[in-house]
């Protein structure tokens, strides 16, 4: 029987994102210093929210890196279709990947502005999508940024698109990606020269640090 279509939920406000992260800090799994940094960025984030944005994009996402919130823990908090997410990058781990030279990560907590999950790049090889994204003056997403996005918009993989994270790489052709696998969100990897009809490539306009 076909599944009932899922309508994409609107991007949560920055205030709601901070509430979500505050709950994780209260659990003891998120570094409170990261939350304090993001709280200090609230005026900037709310100004970004007030601008004009494409309906398919997320105006602003609060990013926390794996040093502030472990990737596996973050993925466990991503629940879609009633199932918690997981990291399955066998034989690798998220820490085996690092930001590419084009990307400057501002710190353990920062803002990602005008996030596009990249549905237009479905069936486009990741290496070609990267060329197009950078030519548009945008930046690809890292693993931390993709996971932070899903943490705030957990239905994105179902209602929007699965997406590659072109800004995290290692010395081979593996590209991290987020998609639904066996009914649950998964952080895994694909090959940079393999196009997939179901897999886009995410990007953002810019990063804003403290």
N, C-alpha and C. Protein backbone atom coordinates (compact mmCIF):
# COMPACT_ATOMS: atom_id res chain seq x y z
N UNK A 1 0.85 -1.19 0.00
CA UNK A 1 0.00 0.00 0.00
C UNK A 1 0.88 1.24 0.00
N UNK A 2 0.61 2.22 -0.88
CA UNK A 2 1.45 3.42 -0.91
C UNK A 2 1.31 4.22 0.37
N UNK A 3 2.41 4.88 0.75
CA UNK A 3 2.40 5.71 1.95
C UNK A 3 1.62 7.00 1.70
N UNK A 4 1.03 7.52 2.76
CA UNK A 4 0.36 8.81 2.66
C UNK A 4 1.42 9.89 2.47
N UNK A 5 1.25 10.77 1.47
CA UNK A 5 2.25 11.82 1.25
C UNK A 5 2.45 12.67 2.50
N UNK A 6 3.67 13.07 2.73
CA UNK A 6 4.00 13.90 3.89
C UNK A 6 4.22 15.33 3.42
N UNK A 7 3.52 16.26 4.02
CA UNK A 7 3.70 17.67 3.70
C UNK A 7 4.85 18.20 4.55
N UNK A 8 5.79 18.88 3.93
CA UNK A 8 6.95 19.39 4.65
C UNK A 8 6.52 20.39 5.71
N UNK A 9 7.00 20.18 6.92
CA UNK A 9 6.70 21.13 7.99
C UNK A 9 7.52 22.39 7.76
N UNK A 10 7.01 23.55 8.19
CA UNK A 10 7.78 24.78 8.03
C UNK A 10 9.04 24.76 8.88
N UNK A 11 10.01 25.54 8.46
CA UNK A 11 11.24 25.63 9.25
C UNK A 11 10.91 26.18 10.63
N UNK A 12 11.42 25.56 11.68
CA UNK A 12 11.16 26.09 13.02
C UNK A 12 11.85 27.43 13.20
N UNK A 13 11.24 28.30 13.98
CA UNK A 13 11.86 29.59 14.26
C UNK A 13 13.16 29.38 15.02
N UNK A 14 14.01 30.39 15.02
CA UNK A 14 15.26 30.26 15.75
C UNK A 14 15.00 30.07 17.25
N UNK A 15 13.97 30.73 17.76
CA UNK A 15 13.63 30.58 19.17
C UNK A 15 13.29 29.13 19.49
N UNK A 16 12.54 28.49 18.61
CA UNK A 16 12.18 27.08 18.81
C UNK A 16 13.42 26.20 18.70
N UNK A 17 14.32 26.51 17.78
CA UNK A 17 15.55 25.75 17.66
C UNK A 17 16.37 25.81 18.95
N UNK A 18 16.45 27.00 19.54
CA UNK A 18 17.19 27.14 20.79
C UNK A 18 16.53 26.36 21.92
N UNK A 19 15.20 26.33 21.93
CA UNK A 19 14.50 25.55 22.95
C UNK A 19 14.84 24.07 22.83
N UNK A 20 14.90 23.61 21.59
CA UNK A 20 15.24 22.21 21.34
C UNK A 20 16.66 21.91 21.85
N UNK A 21 17.58 22.79 21.54
CA UNK A 21 18.96 22.58 21.97
C UNK A 21 19.11 22.74 23.49
N UNK A 22 18.33 23.63 24.06
CA UNK A 22 18.37 23.80 25.52
C UNK A 22 17.94 22.51 26.22
N UNK A 23 16.98 21.81 25.64
CA UNK A 23 16.54 20.53 26.22
C UNK A 23 17.68 19.51 26.18
N UNK A 24 18.45 19.53 25.10
CA UNK A 24 19.59 18.61 25.00
C UNK A 24 20.68 18.98 26.01
N UNK A 25 20.87 20.29 26.21
CA UNK A 25 21.84 20.72 27.22
C UNK A 25 21.40 20.29 28.61
N UNK A 26 20.10 20.37 28.86
CA UNK A 26 19.57 19.94 30.15
C UNK A 26 19.76 18.44 30.37
N UNK A 27 19.77 17.67 29.28
CA UNK A 27 20.02 16.23 29.37
C UNK A 27 21.49 15.93 29.65
N UNK A 28 22.33 16.93 29.40
CA UNK A 28 23.75 16.73 29.60
C UNK A 28 24.49 16.21 28.38
N UNK A 29 23.83 16.24 27.19
CA UNK A 29 24.48 15.72 25.98
C UNK A 29 25.00 16.83 25.07
N UNK A 30 24.59 18.07 25.34
CA UNK A 30 25.05 19.22 24.56
C UNK A 30 25.86 20.16 25.45
N UNK A 31 27.01 20.58 24.97
CA UNK A 31 27.87 21.50 25.71
C UNK A 31 27.13 22.83 25.92
N UNK A 32 26.91 23.24 27.16
CA UNK A 32 26.20 24.50 27.43
C UNK A 32 26.88 25.72 26.79
N UNK A 33 28.18 25.66 26.61
CA UNK A 33 28.89 26.79 26.00
C UNK A 33 28.43 26.99 24.56
N UNK A 34 28.13 25.90 23.86
CA UNK A 34 27.63 26.02 22.48
C UNK A 34 26.26 26.68 22.48
N UNK A 35 25.42 26.31 23.44
CA UNK A 35 24.10 26.92 23.54
C UNK A 35 24.23 28.41 23.84
N UNK A 36 25.15 28.78 24.70
CA UNK A 36 25.36 30.19 25.04
C UNK A 36 25.81 30.97 23.80
N UNK A 37 26.67 30.37 23.00
CA UNK A 37 27.12 31.03 21.76
C UNK A 37 25.94 31.28 20.83
N UNK A 38 25.10 30.28 20.67
CA UNK A 38 23.94 30.42 19.78
C UNK A 38 22.93 31.42 20.33
N UNK A 39 22.81 31.48 21.64
CA UNK A 39 21.93 32.49 22.24
C UNK A 39 22.45 33.89 21.94
N UNK A 40 23.77 34.05 21.96
CA UNK A 40 24.35 35.35 21.63
C UNK A 40 24.13 35.75 20.18
N UNK A 41 23.90 34.76 19.32
CA UNK A 41 23.67 35.02 17.90
C UNK A 41 22.18 35.23 17.58
N UNK A 42 21.34 35.21 18.60
CA UNK A 42 19.90 35.33 18.38
C UNK A 42 19.52 36.58 17.57
N UNK A 43 20.03 37.79 17.89
CA UNK A 43 19.63 38.96 17.11
C UNK A 43 19.97 38.82 15.62
N UNK A 44 21.12 38.25 15.33
CA UNK A 44 21.53 38.06 13.94
C UNK A 44 20.61 37.05 13.26
N UNK A 45 20.32 35.95 13.96
CA UNK A 45 19.47 34.91 13.40
C UNK A 45 18.07 35.43 13.12
N UNK A 46 17.53 36.18 14.06
CA UNK A 46 16.17 36.69 13.88
C UNK A 46 16.11 37.73 12.77
N UNK A 47 17.17 38.46 12.56
CA UNK A 47 17.23 39.39 11.43
C UNK A 47 17.22 38.62 10.11
N UNK A 48 17.94 37.50 10.07
CA UNK A 48 17.95 36.66 8.87
C UNK A 48 16.58 36.06 8.61
N UNK A 49 15.90 35.68 9.67
CA UNK A 49 14.55 35.12 9.53
C UNK A 49 13.59 36.11 8.92
N UNK A 50 13.82 37.39 9.18
CA UNK A 50 12.91 38.42 8.71
C UNK A 50 13.08 38.76 7.23
N UNK A 51 14.10 38.22 6.58
CA UNK A 51 14.33 38.52 5.17
C UNK A 51 13.46 37.67 4.26
N UNK A 52 13.63 37.88 2.96
CA UNK A 52 12.89 37.10 1.96
C UNK A 52 13.63 35.79 1.69
N UNK A 53 12.88 34.68 1.73
CA UNK A 53 13.49 33.37 1.50
C UNK A 53 12.58 32.53 0.63
N UNK A 54 13.18 31.71 -0.19
CA UNK A 54 12.45 30.74 -1.00
C UNK A 54 11.71 29.79 -0.06
N UNK A 55 10.50 29.43 -0.42
CA UNK A 55 9.68 28.58 0.44
C UNK A 55 10.30 27.21 0.67
N UNK A 56 11.14 26.76 -0.25
CA UNK A 56 11.76 25.43 -0.11
C UNK A 56 13.04 25.46 0.72
N UNK A 57 13.42 26.64 1.18
CA UNK A 57 14.67 26.76 1.92
C UNK A 57 14.42 27.05 3.40
N UNK A 58 15.44 26.80 4.21
CA UNK A 58 15.37 27.07 5.64
C UNK A 58 16.14 28.36 5.90
N UNK A 59 15.48 29.40 6.40
CA UNK A 59 16.14 30.70 6.55
C UNK A 59 17.41 30.66 7.39
N UNK A 60 17.37 29.95 8.50
CA UNK A 60 18.54 29.89 9.38
C UNK A 60 18.50 28.58 10.17
N UNK A 61 19.67 27.97 10.35
CA UNK A 61 19.78 26.75 11.15
C UNK A 61 20.88 26.94 12.18
N UNK A 62 20.57 26.59 13.43
CA UNK A 62 21.56 26.63 14.50
C UNK A 62 22.43 25.38 14.39
N UNK A 63 23.72 25.58 14.16
CA UNK A 63 24.63 24.45 13.97
C UNK A 63 25.46 24.22 15.22
N UNK A 64 25.55 22.96 15.63
CA UNK A 64 26.48 22.57 16.68
C UNK A 64 27.35 21.45 16.11
N UNK A 65 28.64 21.54 16.30
CA UNK A 65 29.55 20.54 15.76
C UNK A 65 29.63 19.33 16.69
N UNK A 66 30.29 18.29 16.21
CA UNK A 66 30.38 17.04 16.98
C UNK A 66 31.13 17.22 18.29
N UNK A 67 31.96 18.26 18.40
CA UNK A 67 32.65 18.51 19.65
C UNK A 67 31.71 19.00 20.74
N UNK A 68 30.57 19.57 20.34
CA UNK A 68 29.58 20.06 21.30
C UNK A 68 28.42 19.09 21.49
N UNK A 69 28.14 18.30 20.47
CA UNK A 69 27.07 17.31 20.51
C UNK A 69 27.51 16.14 19.64
N UNK A 70 27.74 15.00 20.24
CA UNK A 70 28.24 13.85 19.49
C UNK A 70 27.31 13.50 18.34
N UNK A 71 27.89 13.17 17.20
CA UNK A 71 27.10 12.90 16.00
C UNK A 71 26.10 11.76 16.21
N UNK A 72 26.55 10.69 16.83
CA UNK A 72 25.65 9.57 17.07
C UNK A 72 24.49 9.94 17.96
N UNK A 73 24.76 10.73 18.98
CA UNK A 73 23.70 11.19 19.89
C UNK A 73 22.72 12.08 19.15
N UNK A 74 23.23 12.99 18.31
CA UNK A 74 22.36 13.87 17.54
C UNK A 74 21.47 13.06 16.61
N UNK A 75 22.03 12.07 15.92
CA UNK A 75 21.23 11.26 15.00
C UNK A 75 20.16 10.46 15.73
N UNK A 76 20.44 10.03 16.93
CA UNK A 76 19.43 9.30 17.71
C UNK A 76 18.24 10.18 18.04
N UNK A 77 18.46 11.51 18.06
CA UNK A 77 17.37 12.45 18.35
C UNK A 77 16.59 12.84 17.09
N UNK A 78 17.03 12.38 15.94
CA UNK A 78 16.31 12.64 14.68
C UNK A 78 15.33 11.49 14.47
N UNK A 79 14.05 11.78 14.63
CA UNK A 79 13.02 10.74 14.51
C UNK A 79 12.12 11.05 13.33
N UNK A 80 12.03 10.11 12.39
CA UNK A 80 11.17 10.26 11.22
C UNK A 80 10.40 8.97 11.02
N UNK A 81 9.13 9.08 10.72
CA UNK A 81 8.24 7.91 10.59
C UNK A 81 8.31 7.02 11.82
N UNK A 82 8.52 7.65 12.98
CA UNK A 82 8.52 6.92 14.24
C UNK A 82 9.80 6.17 14.55
N UNK A 83 10.85 6.34 13.72
CA UNK A 83 12.10 5.63 13.96
C UNK A 83 13.25 6.61 14.16
N UNK A 84 14.11 6.29 15.13
CA UNK A 84 15.25 7.16 15.42
C UNK A 84 16.36 6.94 14.40
N UNK A 85 17.11 8.01 14.16
CA UNK A 85 18.21 7.94 13.21
C UNK A 85 19.41 7.21 13.77
N UNK A 86 20.35 6.93 12.86
CA UNK A 86 21.55 6.21 13.26
C UNK A 86 22.71 6.61 12.35
N UNK A 87 23.92 6.35 12.82
CA UNK A 87 25.12 6.50 12.01
C UNK A 87 25.51 5.13 11.51
N UNK A 88 25.61 4.98 10.20
CA UNK A 88 26.03 3.71 9.60
C UNK A 88 26.91 4.04 8.40
N UNK A 89 28.18 4.27 8.67
CA UNK A 89 29.14 4.65 7.63
C UNK A 89 30.19 3.56 7.44
N UNK A 90 29.85 2.34 7.80
CA UNK A 90 30.77 1.22 7.73
C UNK A 90 31.55 1.18 6.40
N UNK A 91 32.86 1.08 6.45
CA UNK A 91 33.73 0.78 7.59
C UNK A 91 34.29 2.03 8.26
N UNK A 92 33.68 3.18 8.02
CA UNK A 92 34.21 4.45 8.51
C UNK A 92 33.34 5.01 9.63
N UNK A 93 33.81 6.13 10.21
CA UNK A 93 33.09 6.87 11.22
C UNK A 93 33.05 8.34 10.78
N UNK A 94 32.13 9.15 11.33
CA UNK A 94 32.06 10.56 10.94
C UNK A 94 33.39 11.29 11.11
N UNK A 95 34.15 10.94 12.15
CA UNK A 95 35.41 11.64 12.39
C UNK A 95 36.48 11.33 11.34
N UNK A 96 36.22 10.36 10.47
CA UNK A 96 37.15 10.08 9.38
C UNK A 96 37.06 11.11 8.25
N UNK A 97 36.03 11.95 8.32
CA UNK A 97 35.83 12.99 7.31
C UNK A 97 36.18 14.35 7.91
N UNK A 98 36.65 15.25 7.06
CA UNK A 98 37.02 16.60 7.50
C UNK A 98 36.50 17.63 6.50
N UNK A 99 36.30 18.88 6.94
CA UNK A 99 35.84 19.92 6.01
C UNK A 99 36.83 20.13 4.86
N UNK A 100 36.29 20.36 3.68
CA UNK A 100 37.14 20.61 2.51
C UNK A 100 37.78 22.00 2.62
N UNK A 101 38.78 22.24 1.80
CA UNK A 101 39.55 23.49 1.88
C UNK A 101 38.69 24.72 1.61
N UNK A 102 37.62 24.57 0.85
CA UNK A 102 36.76 25.71 0.51
C UNK A 102 35.93 26.20 1.69
N UNK A 103 35.87 25.41 2.74
CA UNK A 103 34.96 25.69 3.85
C UNK A 103 35.71 26.16 5.09
N UNK A 104 35.21 27.23 5.70
CA UNK A 104 35.77 27.76 6.94
C UNK A 104 34.71 27.62 8.03
N UNK A 105 34.89 26.66 8.92
CA UNK A 105 33.93 26.44 10.00
C UNK A 105 34.21 27.44 11.11
N UNK A 106 33.22 28.28 11.49
CA UNK A 106 33.47 29.37 12.44
C UNK A 106 33.76 28.95 13.88
N UNK A 107 33.41 27.72 14.26
CA UNK A 107 33.62 27.30 15.64
C UNK A 107 32.67 26.18 15.99
N UNK A 108 32.56 25.83 17.27
CA UNK A 108 31.70 24.72 17.67
C UNK A 108 30.20 25.00 17.59
N UNK A 109 29.83 26.28 17.45
CA UNK A 109 28.42 26.65 17.31
C UNK A 109 28.31 27.92 16.47
N UNK A 110 27.41 27.90 15.49
CA UNK A 110 27.28 29.05 14.59
C UNK A 110 25.98 28.95 13.79
N UNK A 111 25.76 29.90 12.91
CA UNK A 111 24.54 29.93 12.09
C UNK A 111 24.84 29.50 10.66
N UNK A 112 23.90 28.80 10.09
CA UNK A 112 23.91 28.47 8.68
C UNK A 112 22.71 29.17 8.07
N UNK A 113 22.94 29.98 7.04
CA UNK A 113 21.91 30.85 6.49
C UNK A 113 21.44 30.38 5.11
N UNK A 114 20.12 30.41 4.90
CA UNK A 114 19.51 30.11 3.61
C UNK A 114 19.90 28.70 3.13
N UNK A 115 19.44 27.71 3.87
CA UNK A 115 19.81 26.32 3.60
C UNK A 115 18.88 25.71 2.55
N UNK A 116 19.48 25.16 1.52
CA UNK A 116 18.76 24.49 0.44
C UNK A 116 19.21 23.03 0.44
N UNK A 117 18.28 22.10 0.60
CA UNK A 117 18.64 20.69 0.65
C UNK A 117 18.99 20.12 -0.73
N UNK A 118 18.82 20.91 -1.75
CA UNK A 118 19.38 20.56 -3.06
C UNK A 118 18.62 19.55 -3.87
N UNK A 119 17.29 19.59 -3.84
CA UNK A 119 16.50 18.65 -4.64
C UNK A 119 16.81 18.79 -6.13
N UNK A 120 17.21 19.97 -6.56
CA UNK A 120 17.52 20.18 -7.98
C UNK A 120 18.71 19.34 -8.43
N UNK A 121 19.51 18.88 -7.47
CA UNK A 121 20.70 18.10 -7.82
C UNK A 121 20.46 16.59 -7.73
N UNK A 122 19.20 16.17 -7.61
CA UNK A 122 18.92 14.75 -7.72
C UNK A 122 19.35 14.25 -9.10
N UNK A 123 19.91 13.09 -9.13
CA UNK A 123 20.40 12.47 -10.36
C UNK A 123 21.57 13.23 -10.98
N UNK A 124 22.25 14.04 -10.16
CA UNK A 124 23.46 14.74 -10.58
C UNK A 124 24.62 14.19 -9.74
N UNK A 125 25.72 13.87 -10.39
CA UNK A 125 26.86 13.36 -9.64
C UNK A 125 27.31 14.40 -8.60
N UNK A 126 27.62 13.99 -7.38
CA UNK A 126 28.05 14.94 -6.35
C UNK A 126 29.21 15.82 -6.80
N UNK A 127 30.17 15.27 -7.51
CA UNK A 127 31.29 16.10 -7.94
C UNK A 127 30.84 17.21 -8.90
N UNK A 128 29.80 16.95 -9.70
CA UNK A 128 29.27 17.98 -10.60
C UNK A 128 28.41 18.98 -9.83
N UNK A 129 27.68 18.47 -8.84
CA UNK A 129 26.86 19.36 -8.01
C UNK A 129 27.73 20.36 -7.27
N UNK A 130 28.90 19.91 -6.81
CA UNK A 130 29.80 20.82 -6.09
C UNK A 130 30.25 21.96 -6.99
N UNK A 131 30.55 21.67 -8.23
CA UNK A 131 30.94 22.72 -9.17
C UNK A 131 29.82 23.73 -9.35
N UNK A 132 28.58 23.24 -9.49
CA UNK A 132 27.44 24.13 -9.70
C UNK A 132 27.16 24.97 -8.45
N UNK A 133 27.25 24.36 -7.28
CA UNK A 133 26.98 25.07 -6.03
C UNK A 133 27.98 26.21 -5.82
N UNK A 134 29.24 25.92 -6.01
CA UNK A 134 30.26 26.96 -5.80
C UNK A 134 30.17 28.04 -6.87
N UNK A 135 29.78 27.67 -8.09
CA UNK A 135 29.61 28.65 -9.15
C UNK A 135 28.49 29.62 -8.82
N UNK A 136 27.51 29.16 -8.05
CA UNK A 136 26.40 30.02 -7.61
C UNK A 136 26.77 30.88 -6.40
N UNK A 137 28.00 30.77 -5.93
CA UNK A 137 28.44 31.54 -4.77
C UNK A 137 27.92 31.00 -3.46
N UNK A 138 27.53 29.72 -3.46
CA UNK A 138 27.03 29.09 -2.24
C UNK A 138 28.06 28.11 -1.70
N UNK A 139 27.78 27.56 -0.53
CA UNK A 139 28.72 26.64 0.11
C UNK A 139 28.03 25.30 0.37
N UNK A 140 28.71 24.19 0.12
CA UNK A 140 28.13 22.89 0.47
C UNK A 140 28.11 22.71 1.98
N UNK A 141 27.39 21.70 2.44
CA UNK A 141 27.26 21.45 3.88
C UNK A 141 28.22 20.37 4.36
N UNK A 142 28.65 20.51 5.61
CA UNK A 142 29.45 19.49 6.28
C UNK A 142 28.52 18.46 6.93
N UNK A 143 29.12 17.40 7.46
CA UNK A 143 28.34 16.42 8.22
C UNK A 143 27.63 17.08 9.40
N UNK A 144 28.35 17.88 10.16
CA UNK A 144 27.75 18.54 11.34
C UNK A 144 26.58 19.41 10.94
N UNK A 145 26.71 20.10 9.81
CA UNK A 145 25.64 21.00 9.37
C UNK A 145 24.42 20.23 8.89
N UNK A 146 24.65 19.12 8.20
CA UNK A 146 23.53 18.29 7.77
C UNK A 146 22.78 17.69 8.94
N UNK A 147 23.52 17.17 9.92
CA UNK A 147 22.90 16.57 11.10
C UNK A 147 22.18 17.63 11.92
N UNK A 148 22.76 18.81 12.05
CA UNK A 148 22.11 19.90 12.78
C UNK A 148 20.80 20.31 12.10
N UNK A 149 20.80 20.29 10.78
CA UNK A 149 19.57 20.62 10.04
C UNK A 149 18.50 19.58 10.31
N UNK A 150 18.85 18.31 10.23
CA UNK A 150 17.86 17.26 10.49
C UNK A 150 17.38 17.27 11.94
N UNK A 151 18.26 17.65 12.84
CA UNK A 151 17.87 17.72 14.25
C UNK A 151 16.71 18.70 14.43
N UNK A 152 16.71 19.77 13.64
CA UNK A 152 15.66 20.77 13.74
C UNK A 152 14.47 20.49 12.81
N UNK A 153 14.71 19.80 11.71
CA UNK A 153 13.65 19.50 10.74
C UNK A 153 13.69 18.00 10.44
N UNK A 154 13.29 17.16 11.39
CA UNK A 154 13.47 15.72 11.24
C UNK A 154 12.67 15.08 10.11
N UNK A 155 11.64 15.75 9.62
CA UNK A 155 10.87 15.16 8.53
C UNK A 155 11.44 15.49 7.15
N UNK A 156 12.57 16.19 7.12
CA UNK A 156 13.10 16.66 5.84
C UNK A 156 13.39 15.53 4.87
N UNK A 157 13.91 14.41 5.35
CA UNK A 157 14.27 13.31 4.46
C UNK A 157 13.04 12.66 3.84
N UNK A 158 11.90 12.79 4.50
CA UNK A 158 10.66 12.19 4.01
C UNK A 158 9.89 13.18 3.15
N UNK A 159 9.79 14.42 3.62
CA UNK A 159 8.94 15.40 2.96
C UNK A 159 9.68 16.31 1.99
N UNK A 160 11.01 16.36 2.08
CA UNK A 160 11.79 17.23 1.20
C UNK A 160 12.68 16.38 0.29
N UNK A 161 13.88 16.07 0.73
CA UNK A 161 14.75 15.21 -0.06
C UNK A 161 15.89 14.67 0.79
N UNK A 162 16.40 13.50 0.41
CA UNK A 162 17.67 13.03 0.96
C UNK A 162 18.76 13.91 0.35
N UNK A 163 19.90 14.04 1.04
CA UNK A 163 20.90 14.96 0.51
C UNK A 163 22.33 14.59 0.89
N UNK A 164 23.25 14.90 -0.04
CA UNK A 164 24.67 14.70 0.17
C UNK A 164 25.27 15.88 0.91
N UNK A 165 26.38 15.62 1.59
CA UNK A 165 27.08 16.62 2.39
C UNK A 165 28.47 16.80 1.79
N UNK A 166 28.55 17.63 0.76
CA UNK A 166 29.73 17.71 -0.08
C UNK A 166 30.93 18.39 0.58
N UNK A 167 30.72 19.04 1.73
CA UNK A 167 31.81 19.78 2.36
C UNK A 167 32.62 18.94 3.34
N UNK A 168 32.23 17.69 3.55
CA UNK A 168 33.00 16.78 4.39
C UNK A 168 33.55 15.66 3.52
N UNK A 169 34.87 15.55 3.46
CA UNK A 169 35.49 14.55 2.58
C UNK A 169 36.69 13.91 3.25
N UNK A 170 37.22 12.89 2.59
CA UNK A 170 38.46 12.27 2.96
C UNK A 170 39.21 12.00 1.66
N UNK A 171 40.34 11.34 1.72
CA UNK A 171 41.17 11.19 0.52
C UNK A 171 40.70 10.04 -0.35
N UNK A 172 39.41 10.03 -0.68
CA UNK A 172 38.87 9.05 -1.61
C UNK A 172 37.59 9.61 -2.21
N UNK A 173 36.78 8.77 -2.82
CA UNK A 173 35.59 9.26 -3.51
C UNK A 173 34.32 9.17 -2.66
N UNK A 174 34.45 8.85 -1.39
CA UNK A 174 33.26 8.76 -0.54
C UNK A 174 32.73 10.16 -0.20
N UNK A 175 31.41 10.29 -0.27
CA UNK A 175 30.73 11.53 0.08
C UNK A 175 29.67 11.21 1.14
N UNK A 176 29.71 11.84 2.32
CA UNK A 176 28.68 11.59 3.33
C UNK A 176 27.30 12.01 2.81
N UNK A 177 26.28 11.35 3.29
CA UNK A 177 24.92 11.67 2.86
C UNK A 177 23.93 11.25 3.94
N UNK A 178 22.75 11.85 3.89
CA UNK A 178 21.66 11.55 4.81
C UNK A 178 20.46 11.09 4.00
N UNK A 179 19.91 9.93 4.35
CA UNK A 179 18.74 9.42 3.65
C UNK A 179 17.98 8.45 4.55
N UNK A 180 16.81 8.03 4.09
CA UNK A 180 16.01 7.05 4.82
C UNK A 180 16.45 5.66 4.40
N UNK A 181 16.82 4.83 5.38
CA UNK A 181 17.28 3.47 5.11
C UNK A 181 16.57 2.53 6.07
N UNK A 182 15.87 1.53 5.54
CA UNK A 182 15.07 0.62 6.36
C UNK A 182 14.10 1.41 7.25
N UNK A 183 13.54 2.46 6.67
CA UNK A 183 12.52 3.23 7.35
C UNK A 183 13.00 4.21 8.39
N UNK A 184 14.32 4.40 8.51
CA UNK A 184 14.87 5.30 9.54
C UNK A 184 15.93 6.22 8.94
N UNK A 185 16.11 7.41 9.53
CA UNK A 185 17.17 8.31 9.04
C UNK A 185 18.55 7.69 9.22
N UNK A 186 19.38 7.83 8.22
CA UNK A 186 20.72 7.25 8.28
C UNK A 186 21.76 8.25 7.80
N UNK A 187 22.85 8.33 8.53
CA UNK A 187 24.04 9.03 8.06
C UNK A 187 24.98 7.98 7.51
N UNK A 188 25.17 8.01 6.21
CA UNK A 188 26.04 7.04 5.55
C UNK A 188 26.91 7.75 4.54
N UNK A 189 27.26 7.06 3.47
CA UNK A 189 28.05 7.69 2.42
C UNK A 189 27.73 7.04 1.07
N UNK A 190 27.97 7.81 0.02
CA UNK A 190 27.84 7.34 -1.35
C UNK A 190 29.12 7.72 -2.10
N UNK A 191 29.16 7.46 -3.40
CA UNK A 191 30.35 7.78 -4.20
C UNK A 191 30.14 9.08 -4.96
N UNK A 192 31.21 9.88 -5.10
CA UNK A 192 31.05 11.20 -5.71
C UNK A 192 30.80 11.17 -7.22
N UNK A 193 30.97 10.01 -7.86
CA UNK A 193 30.71 9.93 -9.30
C UNK A 193 29.48 9.09 -9.63
N UNK A 194 28.69 8.80 -8.60
CA UNK A 194 27.46 8.03 -8.79
C UNK A 194 26.24 8.92 -8.59
N UNK A 195 25.45 9.18 -9.63
CA UNK A 195 24.22 9.95 -9.44
C UNK A 195 23.11 9.04 -8.90
N UNK A 196 22.23 9.62 -8.07
CA UNK A 196 21.08 8.89 -7.55
C UNK A 196 19.84 9.74 -7.75
N UNK A 197 18.76 9.15 -8.24
CA UNK A 197 17.54 9.90 -8.51
C UNK A 197 16.91 10.45 -7.25
N UNK A 198 17.24 9.87 -6.09
CA UNK A 198 16.60 10.24 -4.83
C UNK A 198 17.49 11.11 -3.94
N UNK A 199 18.70 11.41 -4.40
CA UNK A 199 19.68 12.08 -3.53
C UNK A 199 20.11 13.42 -4.10
N UNK A 200 19.79 14.50 -3.36
CA UNK A 200 20.22 15.83 -3.76
C UNK A 200 21.57 16.19 -3.14
N UNK A 201 21.94 17.45 -3.23
CA UNK A 201 23.18 17.94 -2.62
C UNK A 201 22.88 19.28 -1.95
N UNK A 202 23.06 19.33 -0.63
CA UNK A 202 22.66 20.49 0.15
C UNK A 202 23.69 21.62 0.09
N UNK A 203 23.19 22.85 0.25
CA UNK A 203 24.07 24.02 0.26
C UNK A 203 23.46 25.11 1.14
N UNK A 204 24.26 26.14 1.38
CA UNK A 204 23.79 27.30 2.15
C UNK A 204 24.40 28.55 1.55
N UNK A 205 23.83 29.70 1.91
CA UNK A 205 24.37 30.97 1.42
C UNK A 205 25.66 31.32 2.15
N UNK A 206 25.68 31.11 3.47
CA UNK A 206 26.89 31.48 4.23
C UNK A 206 26.77 30.96 5.66
N UNK A 207 27.91 31.07 6.36
CA UNK A 207 27.97 30.74 7.78
C UNK A 207 28.23 32.03 8.56
N UNK A 208 27.67 32.13 9.75
CA UNK A 208 27.89 33.31 10.60
C UNK A 208 28.31 32.82 11.98
N UNK A 209 29.51 33.18 12.37
CA UNK A 209 30.02 32.79 13.67
C UNK A 209 29.86 33.91 14.68
N UNK A 210 30.25 33.65 15.93
CA UNK A 210 30.12 34.68 16.97
C UNK A 210 31.11 35.81 16.77
